[in-house]
Amino acid sequence: MFFEEKGNHTNMKSISLKETVIQDSDIVSFCFPVYAFGIPRICFRYLKGLKQFKKQQQVFILITAGDKNE
């Protein structure tokens, strides 16, 4: 992966398994698809239920979308 090539450690967590975000991470990212002009309910509930981080975090979100014609 790109991050590991740059000397960073990566760790993936599954929200369906109710795994929590690591509080001491330097960067936190979320990736999910768009369904009917919104994010899946499981993603919304997970993000809404996150506890406040103990320190300031860098966060990015990657959203994927498809085309019904592809």
PDB file of N, CA and C in Angstrom:
ATOM      1  N   MET A   1       0.825  -1.185   0.000  1.00  0.00           N
ATOM      2  CA  MET A   1       0.000   0.000   0.000  1.00  0.00           C
ATOM      3  C   MET A   1       0.871   1.251   0.000  1.00  0.00           C
ATOM      4  N   PHE A   2       0.314   2.334  -0.453  1.00  0.00           N
ATOM      5  CA  PHE A   2       1.037   3.599  -0.538  1.00  0.00           C
ATOM      6  C   PHE A   2       1.576   4.036   0.821  1.00  0.00           C
ATOM      7  N   PHE A   3       0.751   3.951   1.850  1.00  0.00           N
ATOM      8  CA  PHE A   3       1.183   4.406   3.174  1.00  0.00           C
ATOM      9  C   PHE A   3       2.367   3.602   3.678  1.00  0.00           C
ATOM     10  N   GLU A   4       2.327   2.297   3.486  1.00  0.00           N
ATOM     11  CA  GLU A   4       3.418   1.448   3.950  1.00  0.00           C
ATOM     12  C   GLU A   4       4.694   1.702   3.152  1.00  0.00           C
ATOM     13  N   GLU A   5       4.556   2.014   1.875  1.00  0.00           N
ATOM     14  CA  GLU A   5       5.725   2.352   1.058  1.00  0.00           C
ATOM     15  C   GLU A   5       6.410   3.619   1.574  1.00  0.00           C
ATOM     16  N   LYS A   6       5.658   4.486   2.206  1.00  0.00           N
ATOM     17  CA  LYS A   6       6.194   5.724   2.761  1.00  0.00           C
ATOM     18  C   LYS A   6       6.661   5.547   4.208  1.00  0.00           C
ATOM     19  N   GLY A   7       6.676   4.301   4.699  1.00  0.00           N
ATOM     20  CA  GLY A   7       7.170   4.033   6.042  1.00  0.00           C
ATOM     21  C   GLY A   7       6.135   4.139   7.142  1.00  0.00           C
ATOM     22  N   ASN A   8       4.854   4.165   6.786  1.00  0.00           N
ATOM     23  CA  ASN A   8       3.783   4.251   7.771  1.00  0.00           C
ATOM     24  C   ASN A   8       3.178   2.872   8.022  1.00  0.00           C
ATOM     25  N   HIS A   9       2.692   2.657   9.209  1.00  0.00           N
ATOM     26  CA  HIS A   9       2.003   1.421   9.547  1.00  0.00           C
ATOM     27  C   HIS A   9       0.514   1.624   9.316  1.00  0.00           C
ATOM     28  N   THR A  10      -0.149   0.652   8.724  1.00  0.00           N
ATOM     29  CA  THR A  10      -1.592   0.743   8.514  1.00  0.00           C
ATOM     30  C   THR A  10      -2.283  -0.400   9.238  1.00  0.00           C
ATOM     31  N   ASN A  11      -3.516  -0.142   9.629  1.00  0.00           N
ATOM     32  CA  ASN A  11      -4.311  -1.141  10.323  1.00  0.00           C
ATOM     33  C   ASN A  11      -5.765  -0.912   9.940  1.00  0.00           C
ATOM     34  N   MET A  12      -6.418  -1.939   9.409  1.00  0.00           N
ATOM     35  CA  MET A  12      -7.810  -1.805   8.995  1.00  0.00           C
ATOM     36  C   MET A  12      -8.721  -2.393  10.065  1.00  0.00           C
ATOM     37  N   LYS A  13      -9.833  -1.726  10.305  1.00  0.00           N
ATOM     38  CA  LYS A  13     -10.836  -2.181  11.260  1.00  0.00           C
ATOM     39  C   LYS A  13     -12.174  -2.308  10.544  1.00  0.00           C
ATOM     40  N   SER A  14     -12.985  -3.249  10.967  1.00  0.00           N
ATOM     41  CA  SER A  14     -14.298  -3.458  10.375  1.00  0.00           C
ATOM     42  C   SER A  14     -15.378  -2.890  11.290  1.00  0.00           C
ATOM     43  N   ILE A  15     -16.201  -1.984  10.766  1.00  0.00           N
ATOM     44  CA  ILE A  15     -17.274  -1.449  11.595  1.00  0.00           C
ATOM     45  C   ILE A  15     -18.362  -2.493  11.811  1.00  0.00           C
ATOM     46  N   SER A  16     -18.488  -3.445  10.885  1.00  0.00           N
ATOM     47  CA  SER A  16     -19.505  -4.483  11.069  1.00  0.00           C
ATOM     48  C   SER A  16     -19.172  -5.392  12.245  1.00  0.00           C
ATOM     49  N   LEU A  17     -17.889  -5.454  12.617  1.00  0.00           N
ATOM     50  CA  LEU A  17     -17.476  -6.241  13.782  1.00  0.00           C
ATOM     51  C   LEU A  17     -17.398  -5.381  15.036  1.00  0.00           C
ATOM     52  N   LYS A  18     -17.836  -4.119  14.901  1.00  0.00           N
ATOM     53  CA  LYS A  18     -17.837  -3.152  16.003  1.00  0.00           C
ATOM     54  C   LYS A  18     -16.438  -2.921  16.577  1.00  0.00           C
ATOM     55  N   GLU A  19     -15.436  -2.964  15.715  1.00  0.00           N
ATOM     56  CA  GLU A  19     -14.078  -2.652  16.146  1.00  0.00           C
ATOM     57  C   GLU A  19     -13.960  -1.141  16.299  1.00  0.00           C
ATOM     58  N   THR A  20     -13.207  -0.705  17.268  1.00  0.00           N
ATOM     59  CA  THR A  20     -13.108   0.724  17.545  1.00  0.00           C
ATOM     60  C   THR A  20     -11.890   1.337  16.864  1.00  0.00           C
ATOM     61  N   VAL A  21     -11.975   2.636  16.657  1.00  0.00           N
ATOM     62  CA  VAL A  21     -10.866   3.401  16.098  1.00  0.00           C
ATOM     63  C   VAL A  21      -9.777   3.480  17.151  1.00  0.00           C
ATOM     64  N   ILE A  22      -8.543   3.322  16.732  1.00  0.00           N
ATOM     65  CA  ILE A  22      -7.424   3.411  17.655  1.00  0.00           C
ATOM     66  C   ILE A  22      -7.206   4.875  18.014  1.00  0.00           C
ATOM     67  N   GLN A  23      -7.322   5.199  19.279  1.00  0.00           N
ATOM     68  CA  GLN A  23      -7.269   6.583  19.750  1.00  0.00           C
ATOM     69  C   GLN A  23      -5.906   7.241  19.546  1.00  0.00           C
ATOM     70  N   ASP A  24      -4.833   6.468  19.553  1.00  0.00           N
ATOM     71  CA  ASP A  24      -3.508   7.079  19.443  1.00  0.00           C
ATOM     72  C   ASP A  24      -2.967   7.078  18.014  1.00  0.00           C
ATOM     73  N   SER A  25      -3.824   6.863  17.040  1.00  0.00           N
ATOM     74  CA  SER A  25      -3.410   6.890  15.638  1.00  0.00           C
ATOM     75  C   SER A  25      -3.085   8.315  15.214  1.00  0.00           C
ATOM     76  N   ASP A  26      -2.159   8.440  14.279  1.00  0.00           N
ATOM     77  CA  ASP A  26      -1.826   9.758  13.743  1.00  0.00           C
ATOM     78  C   ASP A  26      -2.840  10.209  12.695  1.00  0.00           C
ATOM     79  N   ILE A  27      -3.321   9.266  11.896  1.00  0.00           N
ATOM     80  CA  ILE A  27      -4.297   9.562  10.853  1.00  0.00           C
ATOM     81  C   ILE A  27      -5.395   8.502  10.926  1.00  0.00           C
ATOM     82  N   VAL A  28      -6.641   8.937  10.847  1.00  0.00           N
ATOM     83  CA  VAL A  28      -7.774   8.027  10.830  1.00  0.00           C
ATOM     84  C   VAL A  28      -8.507   8.249   9.512  1.00  0.00           C
ATOM     85  N   SER A  29      -8.846   7.157   8.832  1.00  0.00           N
ATOM     86  CA  SER A  29      -9.565   7.301   7.572  1.00  0.00           C
ATOM     87  C   SER A  29     -10.787   6.396   7.566  1.00  0.00           C
ATOM     88  N   PHE A  30     -11.766   6.798   6.782  1.00  0.00           N
ATOM     89  CA  PHE A  30     -12.980   6.032   6.608  1.00  0.00           C
ATOM     90  C   PHE A  30     -13.231   5.903   5.110  1.00  0.00           C
ATOM     91  N   CYS A  31     -13.663   4.745   4.691  1.00  0.00           N
ATOM     92  CA  CYS A  31     -13.975   4.505   3.276  1.00  0.00           C
ATOM     93  C   CYS A  31     -15.322   3.803   3.205  1.00  0.00           C
ATOM     94  N   PHE A  32     -16.218   4.354   2.396  1.00  0.00           N
ATOM     95  CA  PHE A  32     -17.521   3.726   2.238  1.00  0.00           C
ATOM     96  C   PHE A  32     -18.144   4.172   0.920  1.00  0.00           C
ATOM     97  N   PRO A  33     -19.132   3.416   0.426  1.00  0.00           N
ATOM     98  CA  PRO A  33     -19.799   3.765  -0.827  1.00  0.00           C
ATOM     99  C   PRO A  33     -20.940   4.748  -0.604  1.00  0.00           C
ATOM    100  N   VAL A  34     -21.394   5.347  -1.687  1.00  0.00           N
ATOM    101  CA  VAL A  34     -22.593   6.168  -1.670  1.00  0.00           C
ATOM    102  C   VAL A  34     -23.748   5.274  -2.107  1.00  0.00           C
ATOM    103  N   TYR A  35     -24.807   5.284  -1.326  1.00  0.00           N
ATOM    104  CA  TYR A  35     -26.029   4.549  -1.672  1.00  0.00           C
ATOM    105  C   TYR A  35     -27.173   5.544  -1.709  1.00  0.00           C
ATOM    106  N   ALA A  36     -27.824   5.683  -2.862  1.00  0.00           N
ATOM    107  CA  ALA A  36     -28.995   6.559  -3.001  1.00  0.00           C
ATOM    108  C   ALA A  36     -28.720   7.959  -2.451  1.00  0.00           C
ATOM    109  N   PHE A  37     -27.621   8.553  -2.865  1.00  0.00           N
ATOM    110  CA  PHE A  37     -27.231   9.921  -2.509  1.00  0.00           C
ATOM    111  C   PHE A  37     -26.875  10.092  -1.031  1.00  0.00           C
ATOM    112  N   GLY A  38     -26.536   9.023  -0.351  1.00  0.00           N
ATOM    113  CA  GLY A  38     -26.147   9.109   1.054  1.00  0.00           C
ATOM    114  C   GLY A  38     -25.199   7.969   1.404  1.00  0.00           C
ATOM    115  N   ILE A  39     -24.779   7.936   2.661  1.00  0.00           N
ATOM    116  CA  ILE A  39     -23.895   6.850   3.083  1.00  0.00           C
ATOM    117  C   ILE A  39     -24.742   5.738   3.700  1.00  0.00           C
ATOM    118  N   PRO A  40     -24.249   4.509   3.700  1.00  0.00           N
ATOM    119  CA  PRO A  40     -25.007   3.405   4.294  1.00  0.00           C
ATOM    120  C   PRO A  40     -25.323   3.672   5.769  1.00  0.00           C
ATOM    121  N   ARG A  41     -26.487   3.205   6.218  1.00  0.00           N
ATOM    122  CA  ARG A  41     -26.901   3.426   7.610  1.00  0.00           C
ATOM    123  C   ARG A  41     -25.870   2.928   8.608  1.00  0.00           C
ATOM    124  N   ILE A  42     -25.245   1.782   8.330  1.00  0.00           N
ATOM    125  CA  ILE A  42     -24.262   1.245   9.267  1.00  0.00           C
ATOM    126  C   ILE A  42     -23.090   2.217   9.431  1.00  0.00           C
ATOM    127  N   CYS A  43     -22.692   2.874   8.347  1.00  0.00           N
ATOM    128  CA  CYS A  43     -21.598   3.853   8.414  1.00  0.00           C
ATOM    129  C   CYS A  43     -22.041   5.088   9.185  1.00  0.00           C
ATOM    130  N   PHE A  44     -23.247   5.564   8.915  1.00  0.00           N
ATOM    131  CA  PHE A  44     -23.766   6.740   9.607  1.00  0.00           C
ATOM    132  C   PHE A  44     -23.833   6.495  11.110  1.00  0.00           C
ATOM    133  N   ARG A  45     -24.387   5.341  11.494  1.00  0.00           N
ATOM    134  CA  ARG A  45     -24.498   5.029  12.926  1.00  0.00           C
ATOM    135  C   ARG A  45     -23.115   4.914  13.571  1.00  0.00           C
ATOM    136  N   TYR A  46     -22.169   4.304  12.861  1.00  0.00           N
ATOM    137  CA  TYR A  46     -20.825   4.155  13.399  1.00  0.00           C
ATOM    138  C   TYR A  46     -20.171   5.526  13.619  1.00  0.00           C
ATOM    139  N   LEU A  47     -20.210   6.376  12.603  1.00  0.00           N
ATOM    140  CA  LEU A  47     -19.592   7.700  12.715  1.00  0.00           C
ATOM    141  C   LEU A  47     -20.274   8.543  13.790  1.00  0.00           C
ATOM    142  N   LYS A  48     -21.577   8.475  13.856  1.00  0.00           N
ATOM    143  CA  LYS A  48     -22.315   9.243  14.865  1.00  0.00           C
ATOM    144  C   LYS A  48     -21.990   8.755  16.279  1.00  0.00           C
ATOM    145  N   GLY A  49     -21.697   7.483  16.432  1.00  0.00           N
ATOM    146  CA  GLY A  49     -21.429   6.912  17.741  1.00  0.00           C
ATOM    147  C   GLY A  49     -19.981   6.998  18.202  1.00  0.00           C
ATOM    148  N   LEU A  50     -19.098   7.563  17.362  1.00  0.00           N
ATOM    149  CA  LEU A  50     -17.695   7.668  17.766  1.00  0.00           C
ATOM    150  C   LEU A  50     -17.539   8.569  18.984  1.00  0.00           C
ATOM    151  N   LYS A  51     -16.706   8.151  19.876  1.00  0.00           N
ATOM    152  CA  LYS A  51     -16.376   8.970  21.046  1.00  0.00           C
ATOM    153  C   LYS A  51     -15.396  10.055  20.603  1.00  0.00           C
ATOM    154  N   GLN A  52     -15.369  11.142  21.333  1.00  0.00           N
ATOM    155  CA  GLN A  52     -14.432  12.222  21.029  1.00  0.00           C
ATOM    156  C   GLN A  52     -13.007  11.704  21.209  1.00  0.00           C
ATOM    157  N   PHE A  53     -12.140  12.035  20.265  1.00  0.00           N
ATOM    158  CA  PHE A  53     -10.746  11.603  20.346  1.00  0.00           C
ATOM    159  C   PHE A  53     -10.047  12.316  21.501  1.00  0.00           C
ATOM    160  N   LYS A  54      -9.088  11.643  22.077  1.00  0.00           N
ATOM    161  CA  LYS A  54      -8.342  12.194  23.211  1.00  0.00           C
ATOM    162  C   LYS A  54      -7.357  13.272  22.770  1.00  0.00           C
ATOM    163  N   LYS A  55      -6.937  13.209  21.528  1.00  0.00           N
ATOM    164  CA  LYS A  55      -6.039  14.224  20.980  1.00  0.00           C
ATOM    165  C   LYS A  55      -6.541  14.602  19.595  1.00  0.00           C
ATOM    166  N   GLN A  56      -6.035  15.704  19.079  1.00  0.00           N
ATOM    167  CA  GLN A  56      -6.434  16.150  17.745  1.00  0.00           C
ATOM    168  C   GLN A  56      -5.985  15.116  16.718  1.00  0.00           C
ATOM    169  N   GLN A  57      -6.868  14.751  15.803  1.00  0.00           N
ATOM    170  CA  GLN A  57      -6.590  13.728  14.802  1.00  0.00           C
ATOM    171  C   GLN A  57      -6.650  14.318  13.396  1.00  0.00           C
ATOM    172  N   GLN A  58      -5.849  13.759  12.528  1.00  0.00           N
ATOM    173  CA  GLN A  58      -6.008  14.026  11.101  1.00  0.00           C
ATOM    174  C   GLN A  58      -6.945  12.935  10.590  1.00  0.00           C
ATOM    175  N   VAL A  59      -7.978  13.334   9.877  1.00  0.00           N
ATOM    176  CA  VAL A  59      -8.982  12.394   9.401  1.00  0.00           C
ATOM    177  C   VAL A  59      -9.236  12.656   7.923  1.00  0.00           C
ATOM    178  N   PHE A  60      -9.380  11.573   7.158  1.00  0.00           N
ATOM    179  CA  PHE A  60      -9.857  11.741   5.792  1.00  0.00           C
ATOM    180  C   PHE A  60     -10.897  10.678   5.493  1.00  0.00           C
ATOM    181  N   ILE A  61     -11.782  11.015   4.565  1.00  0.00           N
ATOM    182  CA  ILE A  61     -12.860  10.115   4.175  1.00  0.00           C
ATOM    183  C   ILE A  61     -12.766   9.889   2.675  1.00  0.00           C
ATOM    184  N   LEU A  62     -12.833   8.630   2.282  1.00  0.00           N
ATOM    185  CA  LEU A  62     -12.827   8.238   0.877  1.00  0.00           C
ATOM    186  C   LEU A  62     -14.194   7.647   0.571  1.00  0.00           C
ATOM    187  N   ILE A  63     -14.900   8.275  -0.341  1.00  0.00           N
ATOM    188  CA  ILE A  63     -16.237   7.816  -0.705  1.00  0.00           C
ATOM    189  C   ILE A  63     -16.210   7.301  -2.134  1.00  0.00           C
ATOM    190  N   THR A  64     -16.773   6.116  -2.347  1.00  0.00           N
ATOM    191  CA  THR A  64     -16.807   5.533  -3.680  1.00  0.00           C
ATOM    192  C   THR A  64     -18.230   5.625  -4.231  1.00  0.00           C
ATOM    193  N   ALA A  65     -18.325   5.721  -5.540  1.00  0.00           N
ATOM    194  CA  ALA A  65     -19.624   5.774  -6.191  1.00  0.00           C
ATOM    195  C   ALA A  65     -19.523   5.094  -7.546  1.00  0.00           C
ATOM    196  N   GLY A  66     -20.560   4.473  -7.952  1.00  0.00           N
ATOM    197  CA  GLY A  66     -20.590   3.801  -9.242  1.00  0.00           C
ATOM    198  C   GLY A  66     -21.639   4.417 -10.154  1.00  0.00           C
ATOM    199  N   ASP A  67     -21.716   3.874 -11.323  1.00  0.00           N
ATOM    200  CA  ASP A  67     -22.677   4.325 -12.318  1.00  0.00           C
ATOM    201  C   ASP A  67     -23.464   3.114 -12.752  1.00  0.00           C
ATOM    202  N   LYS A  68     -24.783   3.211 -12.769  1.00  0.00           N
ATOM    203  CA  LYS A  68     -25.606   2.061 -13.136  1.00  0.00           C
ATOM    204  C   LYS A  68     -25.353   1.592 -14.561  1.00  0.00           C
ATOM    205  N   ASN A  69     -24.745   2.440 -15.387  1.00  0.00           N
ATOM    206  CA  ASN A  69     -24.468   2.081 -16.781  1.00  0.00           C
ATOM    207  C   ASN A  69     -23.151   1.355 -16.970  1.00  0.00           C
ATOM    208  N   GLU A  70     -22.388   1.215 -15.909  1.00  0.00           N
ATOM    209  CA  GLU A  70     -21.070   0.560 -16.052  1.00  0.00           C
ATOM    210  C   GLU A  70     -21.166  -0.898 -15.719  1.00  0.00           C
TER     211      GLU A  70
END
